[in-house]
Amino acid sequence: MPKIVSSIIEVCIFKFEADRAQYLLLQRTMREKVYPGTWQFVTGSIEEGERANQSALRELLEETGLQPSAFWVVPYISSFYEHRSDTIHLCPMFAAQVRAGDQPVLSTEHDAYEWCDLEAARRRLVWPGQREGLRIVHEYIVRGEKAGEITQIL
């Protein structure tokens, strides 16, 4: 029987440039053992004793050097099955808004980044769960729906 764990977070970063939402995607280096070369959001592990939202803020800083001007719990849990360990992963998702003009300073985990509009970001993301998370961030947070108002934590 597969085990169920929640030890990973994802953070969708966005900013507004000329009143248009831009989403930050990071490309994993070819040296990475898991999914080298793929485009992704900030993704990382929850450390022992850490809350998921704390992990998300820490990983955001570690992987991009960016400080959020606003931060949300996204009303979505990404999930995937990892066959090697027979594990179902449940990944809380967060959204972070940064200021216009902000640019990331990448960690050694990534070797490229791109600010994309919604459709370009959708095309770059590999996993259906990431695409769905992006859709929810865009619809409920970026466009200012009620869910964005009540899930903002910073």
Protein backbone atom coordinates (compact mmCIF):
# COMPACT_ATOMS: atom_id res chain seq x y z
CA MET A 1 0.00 0.00 0.00
CA PRO A 2 1.45 3.40 -0.92
CA LYS A 3 2.26 5.81 1.86
CA ILE A 4 0.90 9.36 1.81
CA VAL A 5 3.23 12.24 2.68
CA SER A 6 3.18 16.01 2.64
CA SER A 7 6.81 17.08 2.69
CA ILE A 8 7.07 19.37 -0.36
CA ILE A 9 5.75 22.87 -1.10
CA GLU A 10 5.38 24.91 -4.28
CA VAL A 11 5.36 28.69 -4.64
CA CYS A 12 3.95 30.44 -7.71
CA ILE A 13 5.64 33.85 -7.97
CA PHE A 14 4.07 36.68 -9.93
CA LYS A 15 4.41 40.41 -10.50
CA PHE A 16 2.67 43.06 -12.53
CA GLU A 17 4.60 44.80 -15.31
CA ALA A 18 2.58 47.43 -17.21
CA ASP A 19 -0.55 46.09 -15.45
CA ARG A 20 0.00 42.57 -16.87
CA ALA A 21 0.63 39.55 -14.68
CA GLN A 22 3.98 37.85 -15.22
CA TYR A 23 4.77 34.46 -13.65
CA LEU A 24 8.28 33.36 -12.71
CA LEU A 25 9.38 29.94 -13.89
CA LEU A 26 12.73 28.39 -13.01
CA GLN A 27 14.60 25.81 -15.08
CA ARG A 28 16.25 22.97 -13.16
CA THR A 29 19.89 22.41 -14.02
CA MET A 30 20.87 19.32 -15.98
CA ARG A 31 22.86 18.25 -12.88
CA GLU A 32 19.66 17.72 -10.88
CA LYS A 33 18.85 14.03 -10.32
CA VAL A 34 15.09 14.55 -10.44
CA TYR A 35 13.57 16.04 -13.61
CA PRO A 36 16.66 17.84 -14.95
CA GLY A 37 15.97 20.68 -17.36
CA THR A 38 12.28 21.01 -16.50
CA TRP A 39 10.60 24.35 -15.82
CA GLN A 40 8.90 24.75 -12.47
CA PHE A 41 7.76 27.03 -9.68
CA VAL A 42 9.84 27.38 -6.55
CA THR A 43 9.69 23.89 -5.07
CA GLY A 44 11.24 22.56 -1.91
CA SER A 45 11.14 20.32 1.12
CA ILE A 46 9.50 21.07 4.43
CA GLU A 47 12.16 20.79 7.12
CA GLU A 48 11.63 19.04 10.46
CA GLY A 49 9.51 21.21 12.79
CA GLU A 50 8.72 23.73 10.06
CA ARG A 51 5.23 24.77 9.00
CA ALA A 52 4.45 24.56 5.28
CA ASN A 53 4.05 28.34 4.93
CA GLN A 54 7.42 28.88 6.65
CA SER A 55 9.02 26.42 4.22
CA ALA A 56 7.50 28.27 1.30
CA LEU A 57 8.91 31.62 2.43
CA ARG A 58 12.33 30.07 3.14
CA GLU A 59 12.48 28.29 -0.22
CA LEU A 60 11.38 31.46 -2.02
CA LEU A 61 14.32 33.32 -0.52
CA GLU A 62 16.82 30.46 -0.99
CA GLU A 63 15.94 29.75 -4.63
CA THR A 64 15.35 33.29 -5.88
CA GLY A 65 16.53 35.83 -3.30
CA LEU A 66 13.13 37.53 -3.69
CA GLN A 67 11.08 39.03 -0.85
CA PRO A 68 7.31 38.92 -1.32
CA SER A 69 5.23 42.06 -1.10
CA ALA A 70 2.18 39.82 -0.56
CA PHE A 71 1.79 36.09 0.13
CA TRP A 72 -1.15 33.67 -0.09
CA VAL A 73 -2.16 30.13 0.68
CA VAL A 74 -3.48 28.89 -2.66
CA PRO A 75 -6.77 26.96 -2.32
CA TYR A 76 -5.19 23.97 -4.07
CA ILE A 77 -3.10 20.94 -3.12
CA SER A 78 -0.97 19.52 -5.90
CA SER A 79 -0.58 15.75 -5.78
CA PHE A 80 1.49 13.14 -7.55
CA TYR A 81 2.53 9.52 -7.21
CA GLU A 82 6.23 8.61 -7.05
CA HIS A 83 6.62 4.99 -8.16
CA ARG A 84 10.19 4.41 -6.88
CA SER A 85 9.13 4.92 -3.26
CA ASP A 86 5.46 3.95 -3.74
CA THR A 87 4.48 7.31 -2.24
CA ILE A 88 1.61 9.70 -2.87
CA HIS A 89 2.77 13.29 -2.32
CA LEU A 90 0.40 16.07 -1.29
CA CYS A 91 1.99 19.50 -1.90
CA PRO A 92 0.51 22.66 -0.45
CA MET A 93 0.78 25.55 -2.87
CA PHE A 94 1.46 29.21 -2.13
CA ALA A 95 1.54 32.38 -4.21
CA ALA A 96 3.96 35.25 -3.75
CA GLN A 97 3.68 38.66 -5.36
CA VAL A 98 6.91 40.58 -5.86
CA ARG A 99 7.41 44.15 -7.02
CA ALA A 100 7.60 45.29 -10.62
CA GLY A 101 11.22 45.26 -11.70
CA ASP A 102 12.25 42.56 -9.20
CA GLN A 103 14.59 39.93 -10.65
CA PRO A 104 15.65 36.65 -9.06
CA VAL A 105 19.13 35.61 -8.07
CA LEU A 106 19.13 31.88 -8.74
CA SER A 107 20.43 29.15 -6.44
CA THR A 108 22.60 26.35 -7.84
CA GLU A 109 19.45 24.24 -8.34
CA HIS A 110 18.37 26.33 -11.34
CA ASP A 111 20.30 27.75 -14.27
CA ALA A 112 17.65 29.86 -16.01
CA TYR A 113 14.50 31.80 -15.29
CA GLU A 114 11.80 33.42 -17.33
CA TRP A 115 8.94 35.79 -16.57
CA CYS A 116 5.98 34.50 -18.60
CA ASP A 117 2.43 35.54 -19.26
CA LEU A 118 -0.25 33.01 -18.32
CA GLU A 119 -0.26 31.09 -21.61
CA ALA A 120 3.53 30.93 -21.94
CA ALA A 121 3.80 29.68 -18.35
CA ARG A 122 1.15 27.03 -19.03
CA ARG A 123 3.10 25.79 -22.04
CA ARG A 124 6.39 25.55 -20.12
CA LEU A 125 5.03 23.65 -17.11
CA VAL A 126 5.29 19.88 -17.53
CA TRP A 127 2.89 18.56 -14.90
CA PRO A 128 -0.91 18.88 -14.99
CA GLY A 129 -0.96 19.69 -11.26
CA GLN A 130 1.33 22.67 -11.81
CA ARG A 131 -0.83 23.92 -14.67
CA GLU A 132 -3.94 23.63 -12.50
CA GLY A 133 -2.22 25.46 -9.65
CA LEU A 134 -1.24 28.24 -12.05
CA ARG A 135 -4.84 28.51 -13.25
CA ILE A 136 -6.11 28.81 -9.69
CA VAL A 137 -3.49 31.42 -8.76
CA HIS A 138 -4.41 33.45 -11.83
CA GLU A 139 -8.16 33.16 -11.38
CA TYR A 140 -8.51 33.57 -7.63
CA ILE A 141 -5.49 35.61 -6.55
CA VAL A 142 -4.13 37.60 -9.49
CA ARG A 143 -7.60 38.57 -10.75
CA GLY A 144 -8.68 39.54 -7.20
CA GLU A 145 -11.46 37.04 -6.43
CA LYS A 146 -12.83 36.64 -2.89
CA ALA A 147 -10.72 33.50 -2.29
CA GLY A 148 -7.62 35.63 -2.75
CA GLU A 149 -8.81 38.10 -0.14
CA ILE A 150 -9.42 35.48 2.52
CA THR A 151 -6.31 33.36 1.87
CA GLN A 152 -3.74 36.19 1.98
CA ILE A 153 -1.35 35.75 4.91
CA LEU A 154 1.17 38.52 4.25
